[in-house]
């Protein structure tokens, strides 16, 4: 059975690769980007997001089976926070009514393994408060210095992964039968990363920060295929996850124990269970 997809960032990179794979297999794709696709929309503004969602919904006839949000920027500028966070969250919220009309609705977004790297906590918290003006004001302050400006990208991606985890189990998403998840890529060979990989020196720096022991840098298709599965009817229970498809970066950087943060709570619960069994 063919499905109708709305894909942001469909004119290049991961979004373009995803759209092409889906079209080649016979699905209907409505692309959203600044230009060159079905819907021309500026996701850096609230009006642009709302208009793009309305136009995409109209082109789909009111029902959308899946939304894949790929649009994003990595510039050390305010617009990165606007597009990477609000350009995803507000767009998805605007598309929810059309998703709810599908018999197998799904949504997935592109986060990043940068969500695991240093961030600016005030920006992350401001983004998660879903109040755009204060968040962008903080981003503007960070952008004044190149070093802090580089934190805008990682902060926007961490906030996005946290938003997915926060919202996915709620009534509007899981309660409505809509799995919502994210993918965290490593270094994907796209126009966005071309400058980072332009010289042996810059590539060596990237590889030191983002080690990818499994097959090195990845093509956009590696992420596209995962996004397609997450938004397929076959995905019935994956909920609120950021799946790091990153050649092993997460495993290298975070190591083999990502559970001990709650060790005290686990031990306390285990003690309660033992006490109950002893009674």
C-alpha atoms as a PDB file:
ATOM      1  CA  UNK A   1       0.000   0.000   0.000  1.00  0.00           C
ATOM      2  CA  UNK A   2       1.411   3.380  -0.983  1.00  0.00           C
ATOM      3  CA  UNK A   3       1.650   6.183   1.559  1.00  0.00           C
ATOM      4  CA  UNK A   4       1.693   9.972   1.482  1.00  0.00           C
ATOM      5  CA  UNK A   5       4.737  11.645   3.041  1.00  0.00           C
ATOM      6  CA  UNK A   6       5.526  15.264   3.846  1.00  0.00           C
ATOM      7  CA  UNK A   7       9.284  15.843   4.046  1.00  0.00           C
ATOM      8  CA  UNK A   8      10.919  19.087   5.109  1.00  0.00           C
ATOM      9  CA  UNK A   9      14.368  19.894   3.765  1.00  0.00           C
ATOM     10  CA  UNK A  10      13.482  17.833   0.697  1.00  0.00           C
ATOM     11  CA  UNK A  11      15.601  19.848  -1.744  1.00  0.00           C
ATOM     12  CA  UNK A  12      18.969  18.588  -0.523  1.00  0.00           C
ATOM     13  CA  UNK A  13      20.888  16.206   1.704  1.00  0.00           C
ATOM     14  CA  UNK A  14      19.045  13.653   3.815  1.00  0.00           C
ATOM     15  CA  UNK A  15      15.638  15.064   2.913  1.00  0.00           C
ATOM     16  CA  UNK A  16      16.295  14.773  -0.805  1.00  0.00           C
ATOM     17  CA  UNK A  17      17.620  11.220  -0.496  1.00  0.00           C
ATOM     18  CA  UNK A  18      14.599  10.197   1.583  1.00  0.00           C
ATOM     19  CA  UNK A  19      12.170  11.735  -0.882  1.00  0.00           C
ATOM     20  CA  UNK A  20      13.862  10.013  -3.819  1.00  0.00           C
ATOM     21  CA  UNK A  21      13.775   6.557  -2.235  1.00  0.00           C
ATOM     22  CA  UNK A  22      10.088   6.942  -1.422  1.00  0.00           C
ATOM     23  CA  UNK A  23       9.197   8.233  -4.883  1.00  0.00           C
ATOM     24  CA  UNK A  24      11.129   5.405  -6.529  1.00  0.00           C
ATOM     25  CA  UNK A  25       9.035   2.845  -4.686  1.00  0.00           C
ATOM     26  CA  UNK A  26       5.766   4.566  -5.623  1.00  0.00           C
ATOM     27  CA  UNK A  27       4.867   6.629  -2.578  1.00  0.00           C
ATOM     28  CA  UNK A  28       3.562  10.188  -2.800  1.00  0.00           C
ATOM     29  CA  UNK A  29       6.004  12.808  -1.472  1.00  0.00           C
ATOM     30  CA  UNK A  30       5.219  16.441  -0.771  1.00  0.00           C
ATOM     31  CA  UNK A  31       8.515  18.235  -0.257  1.00  0.00           C
ATOM     32  CA  UNK A  32       8.891  21.390   1.807  1.00  0.00           C
ATOM     33  CA  UNK A  33      11.919  23.638   1.367  1.00  0.00           C
ATOM     34  CA  UNK A  34      12.862  27.188   0.463  1.00  0.00           C
ATOM     35  CA  UNK A  35      12.569  26.361  -3.226  1.00  0.00           C
ATOM     36  CA  UNK A  36      12.674  23.589  -5.800  1.00  0.00           C
ATOM     37  CA  UNK A  37       9.996  21.335  -4.290  1.00  0.00           C
ATOM     38  CA  UNK A  38       6.212  21.118  -3.987  1.00  0.00           C
ATOM     39  CA  UNK A  39       5.887  23.592  -1.099  1.00  0.00           C
ATOM     40  CA  UNK A  40       8.105  26.662  -0.825  1.00  0.00           C
ATOM     41  CA  UNK A  41       8.243  27.611   2.833  1.00  0.00           C
ATOM     42  CA  UNK A  42      10.502  29.407   5.271  1.00  0.00           C
ATOM     43  CA  UNK A  43      10.626  27.335   8.454  1.00  0.00           C
ATOM     44  CA  UNK A  44      12.595  30.010  10.288  1.00  0.00           C
ATOM     45  CA  UNK A  45       9.396  31.971  11.015  1.00  0.00           C
ATOM     46  CA  UNK A  46       6.121  31.076  12.694  1.00  0.00           C
ATOM     47  CA  UNK A  47       4.115  32.305   9.713  1.00  0.00           C
ATOM     48  CA  UNK A  48       6.291  30.334   7.306  1.00  0.00           C
ATOM     49  CA  UNK A  49       5.789  27.129   9.282  1.00  0.00           C
ATOM     50  CA  UNK A  50       2.033  27.562   9.509  1.00  0.00           C
ATOM     51  CA  UNK A  51       1.691  28.397   5.811  1.00  0.00           C
ATOM     52  CA  UNK A  52       3.877  25.488   4.749  1.00  0.00           C
ATOM     53  CA  UNK A  53       1.902  23.045   6.876  1.00  0.00           C
ATOM     54  CA  UNK A  54      -1.400  24.340   5.524  1.00  0.00           C
ATOM     55  CA  UNK A  55      -0.205  24.088   1.912  1.00  0.00           C
ATOM     56  CA  UNK A  56       1.221  20.608   2.405  1.00  0.00           C
ATOM     57  CA  UNK A  57      -2.001  19.450   4.039  1.00  0.00           C
ATOM     58  CA  UNK A  58      -3.986  20.853   1.146  1.00  0.00           C
ATOM     59  CA  UNK A  59      -1.842  19.143  -1.457  1.00  0.00           C
ATOM     60  CA  UNK A  60      -2.267  15.866   0.433  1.00  0.00           C
ATOM     61  CA  UNK A  61      -6.042  16.191   0.382  1.00  0.00           C
ATOM     62  CA  UNK A  62      -6.209  16.615   4.138  1.00  0.00           C
ATOM     63  CA  UNK A  63      -4.653  13.282   5.106  1.00  0.00           C
ATOM     64  CA  UNK A  64      -0.931  12.608   5.586  1.00  0.00           C
ATOM     65  CA  UNK A  65       0.482   9.216   6.513  1.00  0.00           C
ATOM     66  CA  UNK A  66       3.888  10.415   7.669  1.00  0.00           C
ATOM     67  CA  UNK A  67       5.902  13.560   8.289  1.00  0.00           C
ATOM     68  CA  UNK A  68       9.699  13.435   8.178  1.00  0.00           C
ATOM     69  CA  UNK A  69      11.389  16.633   9.347  1.00  0.00           C
ATOM     70  CA  UNK A  70      14.861  16.849   7.822  1.00  0.00           C
ATOM     71  CA  UNK A  71      15.270  20.628   7.416  1.00  0.00           C
ATOM     72  CA  UNK A  72      18.145  21.988   9.470  1.00  0.00           C
ATOM     73  CA  UNK A  73      21.128  24.305   9.593  1.00  0.00           C
ATOM     74  CA  UNK A  74      24.541  24.152  11.258  1.00  0.00           C
ATOM     75  CA  UNK A  75      25.462  27.840  11.098  1.00  0.00           C
ATOM     76  CA  UNK A  76      26.614  29.619  14.289  1.00  0.00           C
ATOM     77  CA  UNK A  77      23.657  31.974  13.877  1.00  0.00           C
ATOM     78  CA  UNK A  78      20.261  32.641  15.419  1.00  0.00           C
ATOM     79  CA  UNK A  79      18.453  31.188  12.409  1.00  0.00           C
ATOM     80  CA  UNK A  80      19.864  27.755  13.273  1.00  0.00           C
ATOM     81  CA  UNK A  81      17.932  27.670  16.532  1.00  0.00           C
ATOM     82  CA  UNK A  82      14.791  28.883  14.774  1.00  0.00           C
ATOM     83  CA  UNK A  83      14.881  26.255  12.017  1.00  0.00           C
ATOM     84  CA  UNK A  84      16.327  23.291  13.929  1.00  0.00           C
ATOM     85  CA  UNK A  85      13.919  23.484  16.851  1.00  0.00           C
ATOM     86  CA  UNK A  86      10.827  25.571  16.135  1.00  0.00           C
ATOM     87  CA  UNK A  87      10.941  24.732  12.426  1.00  0.00           C
ATOM     88  CA  UNK A  88      10.474  21.109  13.458  1.00  0.00           C
ATOM     89  CA  UNK A  89       8.270  21.232  16.543  1.00  0.00           C
ATOM     90  CA  UNK A  90       5.795  23.849  15.325  1.00  0.00           C
ATOM     91  CA  UNK A  91       5.595  22.292  11.884  1.00  0.00           C
ATOM     92  CA  UNK A  92       4.889  18.855  13.341  1.00  0.00           C
ATOM     93  CA  UNK A  93       2.221  20.235  15.650  1.00  0.00           C
ATOM     94  CA  UNK A  94       0.593  21.954  12.683  1.00  0.00           C
ATOM     95  CA  UNK A  95       0.609  18.673  10.747  1.00  0.00           C
ATOM     96  CA  UNK A  96      -0.892  16.574  13.545  1.00  0.00           C
ATOM     97  CA  UNK A  97      -4.531  16.951  12.416  1.00  0.00           C
ATOM     98  CA  UNK A  98      -3.639  15.640   8.952  1.00  0.00           C
ATOM     99  CA  UNK A  99      -1.669  12.768  10.507  1.00  0.00           C
ATOM    100  CA  UNK A 100      -4.577  11.876  12.771  1.00  0.00           C
ATOM    101  CA  UNK A 101      -6.717  11.145   9.688  1.00  0.00           C
ATOM    102  CA  UNK A 102      -4.325   8.393   8.553  1.00  0.00           C
ATOM    103  CA  UNK A 103      -4.870   4.758   9.486  1.00  0.00           C
ATOM    104  CA  UNK A 104      -1.151   4.403  10.268  1.00  0.00           C
ATOM    105  CA  UNK A 105       0.265   7.860  11.056  1.00  0.00           C
ATOM    106  CA  UNK A 106       3.968   8.277  11.825  1.00  0.00           C
ATOM    107  CA  UNK A 107       6.453  11.110  12.429  1.00  0.00           C
ATOM    108  CA  UNK A 108      10.238  11.240  12.572  1.00  0.00           C
ATOM    109  CA  UNK A 109      12.782  14.036  12.823  1.00  0.00           C
ATOM    110  CA  UNK A 110      16.488  14.418  12.205  1.00  0.00           C
ATOM    111  CA  UNK A 111      18.421  15.232  15.354  1.00  0.00           C
ATOM    112  CA  UNK A 112      22.205  14.686  15.543  1.00  0.00           C
ATOM    113  CA  UNK A 113      24.894  12.979  17.542  1.00  0.00           C
ATOM    114  CA  UNK A 114      25.851  16.587  18.332  1.00  0.00           C
ATOM    115  CA  UNK A 115      22.998  16.384  20.847  1.00  0.00           C
ATOM    116  CA  UNK A 116      25.509  14.454  23.006  1.00  0.00           C
ATOM    117  CA  UNK A 117      28.185  17.142  22.761  1.00  0.00           C
ATOM    118  CA  UNK A 118      28.652  20.333  24.834  1.00  0.00           C
ATOM    119  CA  UNK A 119      25.648  22.665  24.748  1.00  0.00           C
ATOM    120  CA  UNK A 120      24.531  25.998  26.186  1.00  0.00           C
ATOM    121  CA  UNK A 121      22.076  24.902  28.923  1.00  0.00           C
ATOM    122  CA  UNK A 122      20.201  28.245  29.021  1.00  0.00           C
ATOM    123  CA  UNK A 123      19.435  27.918  25.310  1.00  0.00           C
ATOM    124  CA  UNK A 124      18.336  24.302  25.644  1.00  0.00           C
ATOM    125  CA  UNK A 125      15.960  25.177  28.466  1.00  0.00           C
ATOM    126  CA  UNK A 126      14.612  28.232  26.630  1.00  0.00           C
ATOM    127  CA  UNK A 127      13.901  26.154  23.528  1.00  0.00           C
ATOM    128  CA  UNK A 128      12.146  23.486  25.571  1.00  0.00           C
ATOM    129  CA  UNK A 129       9.949  26.203  27.097  1.00  0.00           C
ATOM    130  CA  UNK A 130       8.572  26.620  23.551  1.00  0.00           C
ATOM    131  CA  UNK A 131       8.773  30.399  23.738  1.00  0.00           C
ATOM    132  CA  UNK A 132      10.602  31.505  20.630  1.00  0.00           C
ATOM    133  CA  UNK A 133      11.477  35.138  21.357  1.00  0.00           C
ATOM    134  CA  UNK A 134      13.467  34.515  24.587  1.00  0.00           C
ATOM    135  CA  UNK A 135      15.171  31.489  23.053  1.00  0.00           C
ATOM    136  CA  UNK A 136      16.303  33.404  19.996  1.00  0.00           C
ATOM    137  CA  UNK A 137      17.506  36.255  22.198  1.00  0.00           C
ATOM    138  CA  UNK A 138      19.811  33.819  24.000  1.00  0.00           C
ATOM    139  CA  UNK A 139      20.970  32.447  20.659  1.00  0.00           C
ATOM    140  CA  UNK A 140      21.728  36.003  19.514  1.00  0.00           C
ATOM    141  CA  UNK A 141      24.002  36.502  22.520  1.00  0.00           C
ATOM    142  CA  UNK A 142      25.785  33.216  21.827  1.00  0.00           C
ATOM    143  CA  UNK A 143      26.232  34.154  18.175  1.00  0.00           C
ATOM    144  CA  UNK A 144      28.280  37.229  19.104  1.00  0.00           C
ATOM    145  CA  UNK A 145      31.305  35.011  19.782  1.00  0.00           C
ATOM    146  CA  UNK A 146      32.407  32.265  17.354  1.00  0.00           C
ATOM    147  CA  UNK A 147      33.124  29.783  20.132  1.00  0.00           C
ATOM    148  CA  UNK A 148      29.771  30.133  21.854  1.00  0.00           C
ATOM    149  CA  UNK A 149      28.046  30.497  18.495  1.00  0.00           C
ATOM    150  CA  UNK A 150      29.014  26.936  17.669  1.00  0.00           C
ATOM    151  CA  UNK A 151      26.951  25.784  20.660  1.00  0.00           C
ATOM    152  CA  UNK A 152      23.731  26.891  18.970  1.00  0.00           C
ATOM    153  CA  UNK A 153      23.668  23.815  16.723  1.00  0.00           C
ATOM    154  CA  UNK A 154      24.296  21.219  19.430  1.00  0.00           C
ATOM    155  CA  UNK A 155      21.876  22.978  21.784  1.00  0.00           C
ATOM    156  CA  UNK A 156      19.124  22.996  19.173  1.00  0.00           C
ATOM    157  CA  UNK A 157      19.606  19.304  18.477  1.00  0.00           C
ATOM    158  CA  UNK A 158      19.669  18.299  22.150  1.00  0.00           C
ATOM    159  CA  UNK A 159      16.511  20.316  22.739  1.00  0.00           C
ATOM    160  CA  UNK A 160      14.891  18.626  19.740  1.00  0.00           C
ATOM    161  CA  UNK A 161      15.718  15.116  20.996  1.00  0.00           C
ATOM    162  CA  UNK A 162      14.414  16.048  24.434  1.00  0.00           C
ATOM    163  CA  UNK A 163      11.225  17.465  22.914  1.00  0.00           C
ATOM    164  CA  UNK A 164      10.652  14.201  21.047  1.00  0.00           C
ATOM    165  CA  UNK A 165      11.168  12.207  24.230  1.00  0.00           C
ATOM    166  CA  UNK A 166       8.872  14.520  26.206  1.00  0.00           C
ATOM    167  CA  UNK A 167       6.053  14.714  23.687  1.00  0.00           C
ATOM    168  CA  UNK A 168       6.041  11.224  22.145  1.00  0.00           C
ATOM    169  CA  UNK A 169       4.347   9.388  25.057  1.00  0.00           C
ATOM    170  CA  UNK A 170       1.622  12.013  25.479  1.00  0.00           C
ATOM    171  CA  UNK A 171      -1.997  11.819  24.431  1.00  0.00           C
ATOM    172  CA  UNK A 172      -1.540  13.935  21.295  1.00  0.00           C
ATOM    173  CA  UNK A 173       1.038  11.537  19.886  1.00  0.00           C
ATOM    174  CA  UNK A 174       1.187   8.049  21.429  1.00  0.00           C
ATOM    175  CA  UNK A 175      -2.378   8.367  22.676  1.00  0.00           C
ATOM    176  CA  UNK A 176      -3.479   9.127  19.126  1.00  0.00           C
ATOM    177  CA  UNK A 177      -1.536   6.180  17.735  1.00  0.00           C
ATOM    178  CA  UNK A 178       1.228   8.323  16.202  1.00  0.00           C
ATOM    179  CA  UNK A 179       4.772   7.063  16.864  1.00  0.00           C
ATOM    180  CA  UNK A 180       7.158  10.033  17.127  1.00  0.00           C
ATOM    181  CA  UNK A 181      10.909   9.413  17.011  1.00  0.00           C
ATOM    182  CA  UNK A 182      14.242  10.927  15.993  1.00  0.00           C
ATOM    183  CA  UNK A 183      17.402   9.810  14.247  1.00  0.00           C
ATOM    184  CA  UNK A 184      20.809  11.109  15.327  1.00  0.00           C
ATOM    185  CA  UNK A 185      23.247  10.919  12.400  1.00  0.00           C
ATOM    186  CA  UNK A 186      27.011  11.045  12.606  1.00  0.00           C
ATOM    187  CA  UNK A 187      28.912  12.832   9.824  1.00  0.00           C
ATOM    188  CA  UNK A 188      26.756  12.591   6.706  1.00  0.00           C
ATOM    189  CA  UNK A 189      28.268  13.535   3.366  1.00  0.00           C
ATOM    190  CA  UNK A 190      25.922  16.328   2.263  1.00  0.00           C
ATOM    191  CA  UNK A 191      26.325  19.960   1.141  1.00  0.00           C
ATOM    192  CA  UNK A 192      26.031  20.971   4.821  1.00  0.00           C
ATOM    193  CA  UNK A 193      29.211  19.078   5.748  1.00  0.00           C
ATOM    194  CA  UNK A 194      31.197  19.683   2.549  1.00  0.00           C
ATOM    195  CA  UNK A 195      33.281  22.468   4.081  1.00  0.00           C
ATOM    196  CA  UNK A 196      34.005  20.401   7.198  1.00  0.00           C
ATOM    197  CA  UNK A 197      35.440  17.632   5.015  1.00  0.00           C
ATOM    198  CA  UNK A 198      37.161  19.863   2.458  1.00  0.00           C
ATOM    199  CA  UNK A 199      40.757  19.252   3.587  1.00  0.00           C
ATOM    200  CA  UNK A 200      42.662  16.422   5.278  1.00  0.00           C
ATOM    201  CA  UNK A 201      43.245  18.701   8.273  1.00  0.00           C
ATOM    202  CA  UNK A 202      39.582  19.611   8.749  1.00  0.00           C
ATOM    203  CA  UNK A 203      38.543  16.006   8.188  1.00  0.00           C
ATOM    204  CA  UNK A 204      40.988  14.836  10.862  1.00  0.00           C
ATOM    205  CA  UNK A 205      39.508  17.348  13.303  1.00  0.00           C
ATOM    206  CA  UNK A 206      35.973  16.164  12.530  1.00  0.00           C
ATOM    207  CA  UNK A 207      36.985  12.538  12.990  1.00  0.00           C
ATOM    208  CA  UNK A 208      38.533  13.313  16.374  1.00  0.00           C
ATOM    209  CA  UNK A 209      35.302  14.918  17.566  1.00  0.00           C
ATOM    210  CA  UNK A 210      32.966  12.425  15.876  1.00  0.00           C
ATOM    211  CA  UNK A 211      34.717   9.035  15.747  1.00  0.00           C
ATOM    212  CA  UNK A 212      32.911   6.619  13.399  1.00  0.00           C
ATOM    213  CA  UNK A 213      34.605   3.203  13.629  1.00  0.00           C
ATOM    214  CA  UNK A 214      31.899   1.466  11.568  1.00  0.00           C
ATOM    215  CA  UNK A 215      32.437   2.323   7.875  1.00  0.00           C
ATOM    216  CA  UNK A 216      33.434   5.963   8.466  1.00  0.00           C
ATOM    217  CA  UNK A 217      31.441   8.882   7.094  1.00  0.00           C
ATOM    218  CA  UNK A 218      27.989   7.946   5.854  1.00  0.00           C
ATOM    219  CA  UNK A 219      25.888   8.747   2.837  1.00  0.00           C
ATOM    220  CA  UNK A 220      22.455  10.316   3.309  1.00  0.00           C
ATOM    221  CA  UNK A 221      20.777   7.053   2.295  1.00  0.00           C
ATOM    222  CA  UNK A 222      21.891   5.434   5.567  1.00  0.00           C
ATOM    223  CA  UNK A 223      19.733   7.928   7.469  1.00  0.00           C
ATOM    224  CA  UNK A 224      16.953   7.999   4.881  1.00  0.00           C
ATOM    225  CA  UNK A 225      16.334   4.264   5.146  1.00  0.00           C
ATOM    226  CA  UNK A 226      16.066   4.449   8.930  1.00  0.00           C
ATOM    227  CA  UNK A 227      13.674   7.395   8.740  1.00  0.00           C
ATOM    228  CA  UNK A 228      11.569   5.453   6.265  1.00  0.00           C
ATOM    229  CA  UNK A 229      11.321   2.457   8.588  1.00  0.00           C
ATOM    230  CA  UNK A 230      10.419   4.647  11.566  1.00  0.00           C
ATOM    231  CA  UNK A 231       7.587   6.160   9.541  1.00  0.00           C
ATOM    232  CA  UNK A 232       6.387   2.864   8.080  1.00  0.00           C
ATOM    233  CA  UNK A 233       3.312   0.972   9.222  1.00  0.00           C
ATOM    234  CA  UNK A 234       5.691  -1.729  10.525  1.00  0.00           C
ATOM    235  CA  UNK A 235       6.875   0.548  13.326  1.00  0.00           C
ATOM    236  CA  UNK A 236       4.190   0.039  15.929  1.00  0.00           C
ATOM    237  CA  UNK A 237       6.016   0.523  19.244  1.00  0.00           C
ATOM    238  CA  UNK A 238       9.181   2.610  18.831  1.00  0.00           C
ATOM    239  CA  UNK A 239       8.265   5.746  20.776  1.00  0.00           C
ATOM    240  CA  UNK A 240      10.240   8.824  21.841  1.00  0.00           C
ATOM    241  CA  UNK A 241      13.626   7.471  20.823  1.00  0.00           C
ATOM    242  CA  UNK A 242      16.624   9.150  19.287  1.00  0.00           C
ATOM    243  CA  UNK A 243      18.331   6.348  17.385  1.00  0.00           C
ATOM    244  CA  UNK A 244      21.982   7.192  16.834  1.00  0.00           C
ATOM    245  CA  UNK A 245      22.856   5.987  13.349  1.00  0.00           C
ATOM    246  CA  UNK A 246      26.394   7.310  13.600  1.00  0.00           C
ATOM    247  CA  UNK A 247      28.938   4.623  12.803  1.00  0.00           C
ATOM    248  CA  UNK A 248      29.518   4.010  16.501  1.00  0.00           C
ATOM    249  CA  UNK A 249      30.115   7.578  17.718  1.00  0.00           C
ATOM    250  CA  UNK A 250      27.629   7.295  20.567  1.00  0.00           C
ATOM    251  CA  UNK A 251      29.107   3.994  21.715  1.00  0.00           C
ATOM    252  CA  UNK A 252      32.653   5.391  21.646  1.00  0.00           C
ATOM    253  CA  UNK A 253      31.869   8.701  23.324  1.00  0.00           C
ATOM    254  CA  UNK A 254      29.416   7.525  25.990  1.00  0.00           C
ATOM    255  CA  UNK A 255      30.937   4.108  26.547  1.00  0.00           C
ATOM    256  CA  UNK A 256      29.214   0.933  27.670  1.00  0.00           C
ATOM    257  CA  UNK A 257      27.247   2.356  30.616  1.00  0.00           C
ATOM    258  CA  UNK A 258      24.459   4.833  29.974  1.00  0.00           C
ATOM    259  CA  UNK A 259      22.361   3.515  32.854  1.00  0.00           C
ATOM    260  CA  UNK A 260      24.287   4.359  36.034  1.00  0.00           C
ATOM    261  CA  UNK A 261      22.830   7.887  36.228  1.00  0.00           C
ATOM    262  CA  UNK A 262      19.822   6.234  37.919  1.00  0.00           C
ATOM    263  CA  UNK A 263      21.715   3.611  39.882  1.00  0.00           C
ATOM    264  CA  UNK A 264      20.542   4.918  43.265  1.00  0.00           C
ATOM    265  CA  UNK A 265      16.917   4.783  42.158  1.00  0.00           C
ATOM    266  CA  UNK A 266      17.296   1.283  40.731  1.00  0.00           C
ATOM    267  CA  UNK A 267      18.907   0.020  43.932  1.00  0.00           C
ATOM    268  CA  UNK A 268      16.148   1.583  46.018  1.00  0.00           C
ATOM    269  CA  UNK A 269      13.440  -0.058  43.914  1.00  0.00           C
ATOM    270  CA  UNK A 270      15.243  -3.410  44.075  1.00  0.00           C
ATOM    271  CA  UNK A 271      15.352  -3.128  47.879  1.00  0.00           C
ATOM    272  CA  UNK A 272      11.600  -2.434  47.939  1.00  0.00           C
ATOM    273  CA  UNK A 273      10.939  -5.528  45.846  1.00  0.00           C
ATOM    274  CA  UNK A 274      13.125  -7.679  48.087  1.00  0.00           C
ATOM    275  CA  UNK A 275      11.377  -6.338  51.192  1.00  0.00           C
ATOM    276  CA  UNK A 276       7.997  -7.155  49.688  1.00  0.00           C
ATOM    277  CA  UNK A 277       9.037 -10.698  48.863  1.00  0.00           C
ATOM    278  CA  UNK A 278      10.327 -11.205  52.408  1.00  0.00           C
ATOM    279  CA  UNK A 279       6.951 -10.371  53.952  1.00  0.00           C
END
